[in-house]
Structure formats: structure tokens, C-alpha cells
Amino acid sequence: MSLLSDLNVIAKKLKIPAETAVFSGTPPDEYLVFTPLFDSFELHADNTPGIDVQEVRVSLFSKGNYLKTKSRLIRALLGADITITARKYIGHEDNTGYHHYAIDTAKEYEMEEI
């Protein structure tokens, strides 16, 4: 399991095109970009990782009113037990016409036994 996989499932359910790191091809009027931010292991008394913490920024780009999509996305993230660590309107990109809204997410995954 990975946070990127979970985020792709959410994007498909919401019918919002999404890619990791950069959107390839001609972007639609609304899309998501997932940028991995941080991975860490939580250690226990025996110094063996037991929990894998993953953090990913979800960037929403929209040429229209992004507020409804932002609300749907936030509800879907919380409904999937994904922690939202920060939300921020980055701004309007005048050269592309997109509003850019960022949601930083995190989720813990138990380490699978080998």
C-alpha cells in the first residue's frame, strides 16, 4: 500500500485526471498533480521500522471555480483516513489561467512482513 496509490483511487472516483510530479500531455481544465514530499519510518524499542509514514502534496489546478472540487476532494481524503496537514491557495497562474490550490497529506502504513 502507498499514499500515491490511495490518492490515484480517490482521483478516479472523483473523475479528476491525475499524474505524479508533472502532468504530461495537454492538461484538461481541471486536474491533480501528486508530489511526494517525505517518507519516514517510525522506530520502536527494537529499532525495527514498524510504521511507514508517507506524505504527498496534492495540487489542484482549475481554470474555473475550484472551490466545489476542493471541497469534494477534502471530503474524499478525510473519508479515506488520510490526514490533511496543510491547505493553501497558491494563487492564480496568469500565464496558464489555472487556480492552484495545494493540500498536503499524510498517512501511516504498517510495514509488511517479508
PDB file of N, CA and C in Angstrom:
ATOM      1  N   MET A   1       0.837  -1.181   0.000  1.00  0.00           N
ATOM      2  CA  MET A   1       0.000   0.000   0.000  1.00  0.00           C
ATOM      3  C   MET A   1       0.886   1.251   0.000  1.00  0.00           C
ATOM      4  N   SER A   2       0.397   2.277  -0.674  1.00  0.00           N
ATOM      5  CA  SER A   2       1.117   3.546  -0.663  1.00  0.00           C
ATOM      6  C   SER A   2       0.106   4.689  -0.762  1.00  0.00           C
ATOM      7  N   LEU A   3       0.528   5.837  -0.280  1.00  0.00           N
ATOM      8  CA  LEU A   3      -0.330   7.009  -0.339  1.00  0.00           C
ATOM      9  C   LEU A   3      -0.609   7.401  -1.786  1.00  0.00           C
ATOM     10  N   LEU A   4       0.391   7.290  -2.653  1.00  0.00           N
ATOM     11  CA  LEU A   4       0.160   7.611  -4.072  1.00  0.00           C
ATOM     12  C   LEU A   4      -0.923   6.719  -4.668  1.00  0.00           C
ATOM     13  N   SER A   5      -0.914   5.438  -4.328  1.00  0.00           N
ATOM     14  CA  SER A   5      -1.955   4.519  -4.820  1.00  0.00           C
ATOM     15  C   SER A   5      -3.317   4.931  -4.311  1.00  0.00           C
ATOM     16  N   ASP A   6      -3.398   5.247  -3.029  1.00  0.00           N
ATOM     17  CA  ASP A   6      -4.674   5.679  -2.444  1.00  0.00           C
ATOM     18  C   ASP A   6      -5.185   6.961  -3.099  1.00  0.00           C
ATOM     19  N   LEU A   7      -4.274   7.898  -3.362  1.00  0.00           N
ATOM     20  CA  LEU A   7      -4.666   9.161  -3.987  1.00  0.00           C
ATOM     21  C   LEU A   7      -5.151   8.953  -5.421  1.00  0.00           C
ATOM     22  N   ASN A   8      -4.522   8.048  -6.141  1.00  0.00           N
ATOM     23  CA  ASN A   8      -4.976   7.748  -7.508  1.00  0.00           C
ATOM     24  C   ASN A   8      -6.375   7.138  -7.506  1.00  0.00           C
ATOM     25  N   VAL A   9      -6.680   6.301  -6.530  1.00  0.00           N
ATOM     26  CA  VAL A   9      -8.021   5.717  -6.407  1.00  0.00           C
ATOM     27  C   VAL A   9      -9.047   6.829  -6.170  1.00  0.00           C
ATOM     28  N   ILE A  10      -8.715   7.761  -5.281  1.00  0.00           N
ATOM     29  CA  ILE A  10      -9.622   8.874  -4.989  1.00  0.00           C
ATOM     30  C   ILE A  10      -9.839   9.722  -6.245  1.00  0.00           C
ATOM     31  N   ALA A  11      -8.772  10.035  -6.968  1.00  0.00           N
ATOM     32  CA  ALA A  11      -8.898  10.846  -8.189  1.00  0.00           C
ATOM     33  C   ALA A  11      -9.808  10.165  -9.205  1.00  0.00           C
ATOM     34  N   LYS A  12      -9.668   8.850  -9.351  1.00  0.00           N
ATOM     35  CA  LYS A  12     -10.518   8.118 -10.293  1.00  0.00           C
ATOM     36  C   LYS A  12     -11.979   8.160  -9.864  1.00  0.00           C
ATOM     37  N   LYS A  13     -12.233   7.993  -8.567  1.00  0.00           N
ATOM     38  CA  LYS A  13     -13.610   8.047  -8.068  1.00  0.00           C
ATOM     39  C   LYS A  13     -14.230   9.423  -8.308  1.00  0.00           C
ATOM     40  N   LEU A  14     -13.426  10.469  -8.158  1.00  0.00           N
ATOM     41  CA  LEU A  14     -13.919  11.833  -8.363  1.00  0.00           C
ATOM     42  C   LEU A  14     -13.899  12.244  -9.837  1.00  0.00           C
ATOM     43  N   LYS A  15     -13.352  11.368 -10.684  1.00  0.00           N
ATOM     44  CA  LYS A  15     -13.251  11.619 -12.121  1.00  0.00           C
ATOM     45  C   LYS A  15     -12.455  12.882 -12.438  1.00  0.00           C
ATOM     46  N   ILE A  16     -11.312  12.998 -11.726  1.00  0.00           N
ATOM     47  CA  ILE A  16     -10.395  14.112 -11.958  1.00  0.00           C
ATOM     48  C   ILE A  16      -9.083  13.516 -12.471  1.00  0.00           C
ATOM     49  N   PRO A  17      -8.630  13.900 -13.656  1.00  0.00           N
ATOM     50  CA  PRO A  17      -7.352  13.382 -14.157  1.00  0.00           C
ATOM     51  C   PRO A  17      -6.223  13.713 -13.184  1.00  0.00           C
ATOM     52  N   ALA A  18      -5.284  12.770 -13.009  1.00  0.00           N
ATOM     53  CA  ALA A  18      -4.194  12.980 -12.065  1.00  0.00           C
ATOM     54  C   ALA A  18      -2.926  12.290 -12.548  1.00  0.00           C
ATOM     55  N   GLU A  19      -1.802  12.888 -12.213  1.00  0.00           N
ATOM     56  CA  GLU A  19      -0.499  12.298 -12.507  1.00  0.00           C
ATOM     57  C   GLU A  19       0.442  12.629 -11.360  1.00  0.00           C
ATOM     58  N   THR A  20       1.556  11.922 -11.300  1.00  0.00           N
ATOM     59  CA  THR A  20       2.556  12.148 -10.269  1.00  0.00           C
ATOM     60  C   THR A  20       3.657  13.049 -10.790  1.00  0.00           C
ATOM     61  N   ALA A  21       3.999  14.057 -10.008  1.00  0.00           N
ATOM     62  CA  ALA A  21       5.100  15.001 -10.224  1.00  0.00           C
ATOM     63  C   ALA A  21       4.814  16.057 -11.296  1.00  0.00           C
ATOM     64  N   VAL A  22       4.361  15.666 -12.482  1.00  0.00           N
ATOM     65  CA  VAL A  22       4.079  16.644 -13.533  1.00  0.00           C
ATOM     66  C   VAL A  22       2.989  16.071 -14.434  1.00  0.00           C
ATOM     67  N   PHE A  23       2.154  16.930 -14.967  1.00  0.00           N
ATOM     68  CA  PHE A  23       1.103  16.465 -15.865  1.00  0.00           C
ATOM     69  C   PHE A  23       1.668  16.420 -17.276  1.00  0.00           C
ATOM     70  N   SER A  24       1.619  15.252 -17.880  1.00  0.00           N
ATOM     71  CA  SER A  24       2.143  15.113 -19.242  1.00  0.00           C
ATOM     72  C   SER A  24       1.017  15.312 -20.245  1.00  0.00           C
ATOM     73  N   GLY A  25       1.359  15.746 -21.401  1.00  0.00           N
ATOM     74  CA  GLY A  25       0.345  15.975 -22.423  1.00  0.00           C
ATOM     75  C   GLY A  25      -0.372  17.289 -22.201  1.00  0.00           C
ATOM     76  N   THR A  26      -1.449  17.477 -22.936  1.00  0.00           N
ATOM     77  CA  THR A  26      -2.242  18.693 -22.806  1.00  0.00           C
ATOM     78  C   THR A  26      -3.145  18.569 -21.588  1.00  0.00           C
ATOM     79  N   PRO A  27      -2.974  19.445 -20.590  1.00  0.00           N
ATOM     80  CA  PRO A  27      -3.798  19.329 -19.393  1.00  0.00           C
ATOM     81  C   PRO A  27      -5.240  19.771 -19.646  1.00  0.00           C
ATOM     82  N   PRO A  28      -6.187  19.089 -18.986  1.00  0.00           N
ATOM     83  CA  PRO A  28      -7.589  19.498 -19.087  1.00  0.00           C
ATOM     84  C   PRO A  28      -7.832  20.755 -18.246  1.00  0.00           C
ATOM     85  N   ASP A  29      -9.059  21.237 -18.226  1.00  0.00           N
ATOM     86  CA  ASP A  29      -9.381  22.445 -17.462  1.00  0.00           C
ATOM     87  C   ASP A  29      -9.234  22.246 -15.957  1.00  0.00           C
ATOM     88  N   GLU A  30      -9.242  20.989 -15.516  1.00  0.00           N
ATOM     89  CA  GLU A  30      -9.093  20.696 -14.095  1.00  0.00           C
ATOM     90  C   GLU A  30      -8.340  19.381 -13.939  1.00  0.00           C
ATOM     91  N   TYR A  31      -7.321  19.384 -13.096  1.00  0.00           N
ATOM     92  CA  TYR A  31      -6.542  18.162 -12.904  1.00  0.00           C
ATOM     93  C   TYR A  31      -5.788  18.230 -11.584  1.00  0.00           C
ATOM     94  N   LEU A  32      -5.231  17.078 -11.178  1.00  0.00           N
ATOM     95  CA  LEU A  32      -4.448  16.963  -9.949  1.00  0.00           C
ATOM     96  C   LEU A  32      -3.025  16.537 -10.279  1.00  0.00           C
ATOM     97  N   VAL A  33      -2.083  17.018  -9.487  1.00  0.00           N
ATOM     98  CA  VAL A  33      -0.701  16.564  -9.557  1.00  0.00           C
ATOM     99  C   VAL A  33      -0.300  16.145  -8.149  1.00  0.00           C
ATOM    100  N   PHE A  34       0.255  14.932  -8.022  1.00  0.00           N
ATOM    101  CA  PHE A  34       0.712  14.412  -6.744  1.00  0.00           C
ATOM    102  C   PHE A  34       2.232  14.530  -6.678  1.00  0.00           C
ATOM    103  N   THR A  35       2.736  15.201  -5.657  1.00  0.00           N
ATOM    104  CA  THR A  35       4.173  15.369  -5.475  1.00  0.00           C
ATOM    105  C   THR A  35       4.586  14.729  -4.152  1.00  0.00           C
ATOM    106  N   PRO A  36       5.331  13.621  -4.204  1.00  0.00           N
ATOM    107  CA  PRO A  36       5.809  13.018  -2.957  1.00  0.00           C
ATOM    108  C   PRO A  36       6.691  14.016  -2.199  1.00  0.00           C
ATOM    109  N   LEU A  37       6.438  14.145  -0.889  1.00  0.00           N
ATOM    110  CA  LEU A  37       7.187  15.100  -0.083  1.00  0.00           C
ATOM    111  C   LEU A  37       8.165  14.432   0.867  1.00  0.00           C
ATOM    112  N   PHE A  38       7.731  13.330   1.495  1.00  0.00           N
ATOM    113  CA  PHE A  38       8.512  12.790   2.602  1.00  0.00           C
ATOM    114  C   PHE A  38       8.074  11.364   2.896  1.00  0.00           C
ATOM    115  N   ASP A  39       9.029  10.516   3.181  1.00  0.00           N
ATOM    116  CA  ASP A  39       8.775   9.159   3.668  1.00  0.00           C
ATOM    117  C   ASP A  39       9.639   8.969   4.900  1.00  0.00           C
ATOM    118  N   SER A  40       9.090   8.339   5.930  1.00  0.00           N
ATOM    119  CA  SER A  40       9.902   8.061   7.114  1.00  0.00           C
ATOM    120  C   SER A  40       9.439   6.766   7.758  1.00  0.00           C
ATOM    121  N   PHE A  41      10.316   6.192   8.540  1.00  0.00           N
ATOM    122  CA  PHE A  41       9.988   5.006   9.314  1.00  0.00           C
ATOM    123  C   PHE A  41       9.851   5.407  10.771  1.00  0.00           C
ATOM    124  N   GLU A  42       8.798   4.953  11.389  1.00  0.00           N
ATOM    125  CA  GLU A  42       8.657   5.129  12.830  1.00  0.00           C
ATOM    126  C   GLU A  42       9.341   3.947  13.484  1.00  0.00           C
ATOM    127  N   LEU A  43      10.248   4.228  14.398  1.00  0.00           N
ATOM    128  CA  LEU A  43      11.003   3.161  15.044  1.00  0.00           C
ATOM    129  C   LEU A  43      10.374   2.783  16.380  1.00  0.00           C
ATOM    130  N   HIS A  44      10.588   1.551  16.751  1.00  0.00           N
ATOM    131  CA  HIS A  44      10.111   1.043  18.032  1.00  0.00           C
ATOM    132  C   HIS A  44      11.307   0.671  18.886  1.00  0.00           C
ATOM    133  N   ALA A  45      11.075   0.141  20.060  1.00  0.00           N
ATOM    134  CA  ALA A  45      12.140  -0.163  21.014  1.00  0.00           C
ATOM    135  C   ALA A  45      13.231  -1.051  20.424  1.00  0.00           C
ATOM    136  N   ASP A  46      12.907  -1.907  19.494  1.00  0.00           N
ATOM    137  CA  ASP A  46      13.917  -2.794  18.922  1.00  0.00           C
ATOM    138  C   ASP A  46      14.591  -2.192  17.695  1.00  0.00           C
ATOM    139  N   ASN A  47      14.367  -0.886  17.430  1.00  0.00           N
ATOM    140  CA  ASN A  47      14.941  -0.172  16.288  1.00  0.00           C
ATOM    141  C   ASN A  47      14.561  -0.775  14.940  1.00  0.00           C
ATOM    142  N   THR A  48      13.444  -1.480  14.906  1.00  0.00           N
ATOM    143  CA  THR A  48      12.932  -2.058  13.680  1.00  0.00           C
ATOM    144  C   THR A  48      11.736  -1.224  13.209  1.00  0.00           C
ATOM    145  N   PRO A  49      11.773  -0.756  11.973  1.00  0.00           N
ATOM    146  CA  PRO A  49      10.629   0.037  11.494  1.00  0.00           C
ATOM    147  C   PRO A  49       9.333  -0.768  11.556  1.00  0.00           C
ATOM    148  N   GLY A  50       8.310  -0.151  12.074  1.00  0.00           N
ATOM    149  CA  GLY A  50       7.008  -0.801  12.135  1.00  0.00           C
ATOM    150  C   GLY A  50       5.957  -0.046  11.349  1.00  0.00           C
ATOM    151  N   ILE A  51       6.185   1.248  11.196  1.00  0.00           N
ATOM    152  CA  ILE A  51       5.228   2.113  10.509  1.00  0.00           C
ATOM    153  C   ILE A  51       5.965   2.916   9.439  1.00  0.00           C
ATOM    154  N   ASP A  52       5.400   2.971   8.259  1.00  0.00           N
ATOM    155  CA  ASP A  52       5.919   3.774   7.157  1.00  0.00           C
ATOM    156  C   ASP A  52       5.004   4.989   7.015  1.00  0.00           C
ATOM    157  N   VAL A  53       5.536   6.181   7.267  1.00  0.00           N
ATOM    158  CA  VAL A  53       4.763   7.415   7.144  1.00  0.00           C
ATOM    159  C   VAL A  53       5.086   8.042   5.795  1.00  0.00           C
ATOM    160  N   GLN A  54       4.051   8.294   5.004  1.00  0.00           N
ATOM    161  CA  GLN A  54       4.235   8.880   3.673  1.00  0.00           C
ATOM    162  C   GLN A  54       3.479  10.204   3.601  1.00  0.00           C
ATOM    163  N   GLU A  55       4.112  11.191   2.982  1.00  0.00           N
ATOM    164  CA  GLU A  55       3.487  12.498   2.810  1.00  0.00           C
ATOM    165  C   GLU A  55       3.534  12.893   1.333  1.00  0.00           C
ATOM    166  N   VAL A  56       2.423  13.402   0.837  1.00  0.00           N
ATOM    167  CA  VAL A  56       2.297  13.789  -0.571  1.00  0.00           C
ATOM    168  C   VAL A  56       1.515  15.091  -0.662  1.00  0.00           C
ATOM    169  N   ARG A  57       1.981  16.003  -1.502  1.00  0.00           N
ATOM    170  CA  ARG A  57       1.212  17.225  -1.789  1.00  0.00           C
ATOM    171  C   ARG A  57       0.278  16.937  -2.956  1.00  0.00           C
ATOM    172  N   VAL A  58      -0.984  17.276  -2.770  1.00  0.00           N
ATOM    173  CA  VAL A  58      -1.994  17.168  -3.818  1.00  0.00           C
ATOM    174  C   VAL A  58      -2.235  18.585  -4.335  1.00  0.00           C
ATOM    175  N   SER A  59      -1.861  18.834  -5.581  1.00  0.00           N
ATOM    176  CA  SER A  59      -2.074  20.152  -6.175  1.00  0.00           C
ATOM    177  C   SER A  59      -3.267  20.080  -7.112  1.00  0.00           C
ATOM    178  N   LEU A  60      -4.252  20.903  -6.832  1.00  0.00           N
ATOM    179  CA  LEU A  60      -5.443  21.021  -7.678  1.00  0.00           C
ATOM    180  C   LEU A  60      -5.242  22.222  -8.590  1.00  0.00           C
ATOM    181  N   PHE A  61      -5.349  21.993  -9.889  1.00  0.00           N
ATOM    182  CA  PHE A  61      -5.279  23.059 -10.879  1.00  0.00           C
ATOM    183  C   PHE A  61      -6.636  23.146 -11.558  1.00  0.00           C
ATOM    184  N   SER A  62      -7.209  24.347 -11.585  1.00  0.00           N
ATOM    185  CA  SER A  62      -8.540  24.520 -12.163  1.00  0.00           C
ATOM    186  C   SER A  62      -8.638  25.870 -12.861  1.00  0.00           C
ATOM    187  N   LYS A  63      -9.202  25.844 -14.068  1.00  0.00           N
ATOM    188  CA  LYS A  63      -9.421  27.090 -14.800  1.00  0.00           C
ATOM    189  C   LYS A  63     -10.733  27.753 -14.399  1.00  0.00           C
ATOM    190  N   GLY A  64     -11.584  27.018 -13.712  1.00  0.00           N
ATOM    191  CA  GLY A  64     -12.869  27.561 -13.274  1.00  0.00           C
ATOM    192  C   GLY A  64     -12.874  27.793 -11.774  1.00  0.00           C
ATOM    193  N   ASN A  65     -14.064  27.729 -11.202  1.00  0.00           N
ATOM    194  CA  ASN A  65     -14.229  27.877  -9.762  1.00  0.00           C
ATOM    195  C   ASN A  65     -13.780  26.569  -9.097  1.00  0.00           C
ATOM    196  N   TYR A  66     -12.652  26.617  -8.429  1.00  0.00           N
ATOM    197  CA  TYR A  66     -12.050  25.417  -7.839  1.00  0.00           C
ATOM    198  C   TYR A  66     -12.671  25.027  -6.502  1.00  0.00           C
ATOM    199  N   LEU A  67     -13.508  25.892  -5.898  1.00  0.00           N
ATOM    200  CA  LEU A  67     -13.986  25.675  -4.531  1.00  0.00           C
ATOM    201  C   LEU A  67     -14.820  24.403  -4.362  1.00  0.00           C
ATOM    202  N   LYS A  68     -15.699  24.112  -5.310  1.00  0.00           N
ATOM    203  CA  LYS A  68     -16.524  22.906  -5.203  1.00  0.00           C
ATOM    204  C   LYS A  68     -15.658  21.645  -5.295  1.00  0.00           C
ATOM    205  N   THR A  69     -14.733  21.639  -6.234  1.00  0.00           N
ATOM    206  CA  THR A  69     -13.837  20.488  -6.387  1.00  0.00           C
ATOM    207  C   THR A  69     -12.960  20.337  -5.155  1.00  0.00           C
ATOM    208  N   LYS A  70     -12.461  21.450  -4.622  1.00  0.00           N
ATOM    209  CA  LYS A  70     -11.642  21.413  -3.411  1.00  0.00           C
ATOM    210  C   LYS A  70     -12.420  20.756  -2.269  1.00  0.00           C
ATOM    211  N   SER A  71     -13.667  21.136  -2.087  1.00  0.00           N
ATOM    212  CA  SER A  71     -14.491  20.565  -1.011  1.00  0.00           C
ATOM    213  C   SER A  71     -14.716  19.075  -1.218  1.00  0.00           C
ATOM    214  N   ARG A  72     -15.029  18.664  -2.455  1.00  0.00           N
ATOM    215  CA  ARG A  72     -15.215  17.232  -2.750  1.00  0.00           C
ATOM    216  C   ARG A  72     -13.937  16.448  -2.470  1.00  0.00           C
ATOM    217  N   LEU A  73     -12.812  17.013  -2.870  1.00  0.00           N
ATOM    218  CA  LEU A  73     -11.522  16.359  -2.684  1.00  0.00           C
ATOM    219  C   LEU A  73     -11.193  16.219  -1.196  1.00  0.00           C
ATOM    220  N   ILE A  74     -11.393  17.264  -0.429  1.00  0.00           N
ATOM    221  CA  ILE A  74     -11.110  17.219   1.006  1.00  0.00           C
ATOM    222  C   ILE A  74     -11.989  16.176   1.696  1.00  0.00           C
ATOM    223  N   ARG A  75     -13.279  16.134   1.356  1.00  0.00           N
ATOM    224  CA  ARG A  75     -14.166  15.122   1.947  1.00  0.00           C
ATOM    225  C   ARG A  75     -13.700  13.716   1.595  1.00  0.00           C
ATOM    226  N   ALA A  76     -13.266  13.506   0.357  1.00  0.00           N
ATOM    227  CA  ALA A  76     -12.795  12.185  -0.074  1.00  0.00           C
ATOM    228  C   ALA A  76     -11.511  11.793   0.650  1.00  0.00           C
ATOM    229  N   LEU A  77     -10.599  12.737   0.819  1.00  0.00           N
ATOM    230  CA  LEU A  77      -9.354  12.450   1.536  1.00  0.00           C
ATOM    231  C   LEU A  77      -9.634  12.063   2.985  1.00  0.00           C
ATOM    232  N   LEU A  78     -10.441  12.851   3.655  1.00  0.00           N
ATOM    233  CA  LEU A  78     -10.761  12.551   5.050  1.00  0.00           C
ATOM    234  C   LEU A  78     -11.527  11.241   5.173  1.00  0.00           C
ATOM    235  N   GLY A  79     -12.403  10.964   4.214  1.00  0.00           N
ATOM    236  CA  GLY A  79     -13.162   9.716   4.209  1.00  0.00           C
ATOM    237  C   GLY A  79     -12.293   8.489   4.006  1.00  0.00           C
ATOM    238  N   ALA A  80     -11.111   8.679   3.431  1.00  0.00           N
ATOM    239  CA  ALA A  80     -10.165   7.583   3.208  1.00  0.00           C
ATOM    240  C   ALA A  80      -9.123   7.505   4.329  1.00  0.00           C
ATOM    241  N   ASP A  81      -9.390   8.183   5.439  1.00  0.00           N
ATOM    242  CA  ASP A  81      -8.475   8.203   6.595  1.00  0.00           C
ATOM    243  C   ASP A  81      -7.098   8.746   6.245  1.00  0.00           C
ATOM    244  N   ILE A  82      -7.077   9.715   5.350  1.00  0.00           N
ATOM    245  CA  ILE A  82      -5.831  10.399   5.000  1.00  0.00           C
ATOM    246  C   ILE A  82      -5.801  11.707   5.790  1.00  0.00           C
ATOM    247  N   THR A  83      -4.696  11.947   6.469  1.00  0.00           N
ATOM    248  CA  THR A  83      -4.544  13.154   7.275  1.00  0.00           C
ATOM    249  C   THR A  83      -4.184  14.330   6.380  1.00  0.00           C
ATOM    250  N   ILE A  84      -4.840  15.446   6.599  1.00  0.00           N
ATOM    251  CA  ILE A  84      -4.510  16.681   5.892  1.00  0.00           C
ATOM    252  C   ILE A  84      -3.667  17.520   6.835  1.00  0.00           C
ATOM    253  N   THR A  85      -2.424  17.774   6.450  1.00  0.00           N
ATOM    254  CA  THR A  85      -1.505  18.510   7.315  1.00  0.00           C
ATOM    255  C   THR A  85      -1.451  19.996   6.992  1.00  0.00           C
ATOM    256  N   ALA A  86      -1.845  20.381   5.789  1.00  0.00           N
ATOM    257  CA  ALA A  86      -1.855  21.796   5.408  1.00  0.00           C
ATOM    258  C   ALA A  86      -2.716  21.978   4.165  1.00  0.00           C
ATOM    259  N   ARG A  87      -3.329  23.162   4.056  1.00  0.00           N
ATOM    260  CA  ARG A  87      -4.088  23.546   2.857  1.00  0.00           C
ATOM    261  C   ARG A  87      -3.733  24.986   2.550  1.00  0.00           C
ATOM    262  N   LYS A  88      -3.543  25.273   1.254  1.00  0.00           N
ATOM    263  CA  LYS A  88      -3.122  26.629   0.904  1.00  0.00           C
ATOM    264  C   LYS A  88      -3.487  26.961  -0.535  1.00  0.00           C
ATOM    265  N   TYR A  89      -4.063  28.137  -0.720  1.00  0.00           N
ATOM    266  CA  TYR A  89      -4.267  28.652  -2.067  1.00  0.00           C
ATOM    267  C   TYR A  89      -2.941  29.239  -2.514  1.00  0.00           C
ATOM    268  N   ILE A  90      -2.344  28.657  -3.528  1.00  0.00           N
ATOM    269  CA  ILE A  90      -1.044  29.105  -4.020  1.00  0.00           C
ATOM    270  C   ILE A  90      -1.199  30.376  -4.848  1.00  0.00           C
ATOM    271  N   GLY A  91      -2.255  30.422  -5.665  1.00  0.00           N
ATOM    272  CA  GLY A  91      -2.511  31.623  -6.446  1.00  0.00           C
ATOM    273  C   GLY A  91      -3.029  31.293  -7.835  1.00  0.00           C
ATOM    274  N   HIS A  92      -3.297  32.347  -8.579  1.00  0.00           N
ATOM    275  CA  HIS A  92      -3.745  32.216  -9.957  1.00  0.00           C
ATOM    276  C   HIS A  92      -2.533  32.359 -10.859  1.00  0.00           C
ATOM    277  N   GLU A  93      -2.360  31.394 -11.746  1.00  0.00           N
ATOM    278  CA  GLU A  93      -1.239  31.443 -12.679  1.00  0.00           C
ATOM    279  C   GLU A  93      -1.711  32.172 -13.934  1.00  0.00           C
ATOM    280  N   ASP A  94      -1.338  33.429 -14.031  1.00  0.00           N
ATOM    281  CA  ASP A  94      -1.817  34.263 -15.139  1.00  0.00           C
ATOM    282  C   ASP A  94      -1.399  33.735 -16.506  1.00  0.00           C
ATOM    283  N   ASN A  95      -0.226  33.112 -16.576  1.00  0.00           N
ATOM    284  CA  ASN A  95       0.258  32.629 -17.879  1.00  0.00           C
ATOM    285  C   ASN A  95      -0.490  31.384 -18.354  1.00  0.00           C
ATOM    286  N   THR A  96      -1.090  30.611 -17.435  1.00  0.00           N
ATOM    287  CA  THR A  96      -1.822  29.401 -17.826  1.00  0.00           C
ATOM    288  C   THR A  96      -3.328  29.516 -17.613  1.00  0.00           C
ATOM    289  N   GLY A  97      -3.744  30.425 -16.744  1.00  0.00           N
ATOM    290  CA  GLY A  97      -5.163  30.585 -16.446  1.00  0.00           C
ATOM    291  C   GLY A  97      -5.680  29.658 -15.358  1.00  0.00           C
ATOM    292  N   TYR A  98      -4.790  28.920 -14.691  1.00  0.00           N
ATOM    293  CA  TYR A  98      -5.202  27.975 -13.651  1.00  0.00           C
ATOM    294  C   TYR A  98      -5.117  28.591 -12.261  1.00  0.00           C
ATOM    295  N   HIS A  99      -6.124  28.266 -11.426  1.00  0.00           N
ATOM    296  CA  HIS A  99      -6.018  28.475  -9.992  1.00  0.00           C
ATOM    297  C   HIS A  99      -5.250  27.266  -9.461  1.00  0.00           C
ATOM    298  N   HIS A 100      -4.350  27.496  -8.509  1.00  0.00           N
ATOM    299  CA  HIS A 100      -3.550  26.408  -7.931  1.00  0.00           C
ATOM    300  C   HIS A 100      -3.828  26.368  -6.435  1.00  0.00           C
ATOM    301  N   TYR A 101      -4.346  25.222  -5.979  1.00  0.00           N
ATOM    302  CA  TYR A 101      -4.641  25.004  -4.559  1.00  0.00           C
ATOM    303  C   TYR A 101      -3.898  23.748  -4.122  1.00  0.00           C
ATOM    304  N   ALA A 102      -3.164  23.825  -3.013  1.00  0.00           N
ATOM    305  CA  ALA A 102      -2.356  22.696  -2.544  1.00  0.00           C
ATOM    306  C   ALA A 102      -2.900  22.136  -1.241  1.00  0.00           C
ATOM    307  N   ILE A 103      -2.934  20.814  -1.167  1.00  0.00           N
ATOM    308  CA  ILE A 103      -3.346  20.097   0.047  1.00  0.00           C
ATOM    309  C   ILE A 103      -2.219  19.117   0.380  1.00  0.00           C
ATOM    310  N   ASP A 104      -1.578  19.318   1.531  1.00  0.00           N
ATOM    311  CA  ASP A 104      -0.541  18.386   1.965  1.00  0.00           C
ATOM    312  C   ASP A 104      -1.202  17.275   2.770  1.00  0.00           C
ATOM    313  N   THR A 105      -0.850  16.040   2.419  1.00  0.00           N
ATOM    314  CA  THR A 105      -1.491  14.875   3.030  1.00  0.00           C
ATOM    315  C   THR A 105      -0.440  13.947   3.640  1.00  0.00           C
ATOM    316  N   ALA A 106      -0.891  13.121   4.572  1.00  0.00           N
ATOM    317  CA  ALA A 106      -0.011  12.127   5.191  1.00  0.00           C
ATOM    318  C   ALA A 106      -0.839  10.919   5.581  1.00  0.00           C
ATOM    319  N   LYS A 107      -0.180   9.759   5.565  1.00  0.00           N
ATOM    320  CA  LYS A 107      -0.841   8.543   6.006  1.00  0.00           C
ATOM    321  C   LYS A 107       0.209   7.564   6.507  1.00  0.00           C
ATOM    322  N   GLU A 108      -0.150   6.835   7.550  1.00  0.00           N
ATOM    323  CA  GLU A 108       0.725   5.799   8.107  1.00  0.00           C
ATOM    324  C   GLU A 108       0.310   4.439   7.575  1.00  0.00           C
ATOM    325  N   TYR A 109       1.317   3.648   7.230  1.00  0.00           N
ATOM    326  CA  TYR A 109       1.077   2.287   6.754  1.00  0.00           C
ATOM    327  C   TYR A 109       1.917   1.337   7.591  1.00  0.00           C
ATOM    328  N   GLU A 110       1.304   0.257   8.033  1.00  0.00           N
ATOM    329  CA  GLU A 110       2.057  -0.754   8.764  1.00  0.00           C
ATOM    330  C   GLU A 110       2.997  -1.439   7.797  1.00  0.00           C
ATOM    331  N   MET A 111       4.207  -1.707   8.289  1.00  0.00           N
ATOM    332  CA  MET A 111       5.205  -2.382   7.466  1.00  0.00           C
ATOM    333  C   MET A 111       4.764  -3.831   7.229  1.00  0.00           C
ATOM    334  N   GLU A 112       4.890  -4.246   5.983  1.00  0.00           N
ATOM    335  CA  GLU A 112       4.553  -5.635   5.652  1.00  0.00           C
ATOM    336  C   GLU A 112       5.734  -6.534   5.994  1.00  0.00           C
ATOM    337  N   GLU A 113       5.430  -7.695   6.503  1.00  0.00           N
ATOM    338  CA  GLU A 113       6.489  -8.635   6.810  1.00  0.00           C
ATOM    339  C   GLU A 113       7.017  -9.260   5.542  1.00  0.00           C
ATOM    340  N   ILE A 114       8.326  -9.442   5.486  1.00  0.00           N
ATOM    341  CA  ILE A 114       8.966 -10.021   4.300  1.00  0.00           C
ATOM    342  C   ILE A 114       8.913 -11.521   4.361  1.00  0.00           C
TER     343      ILE A 114
END
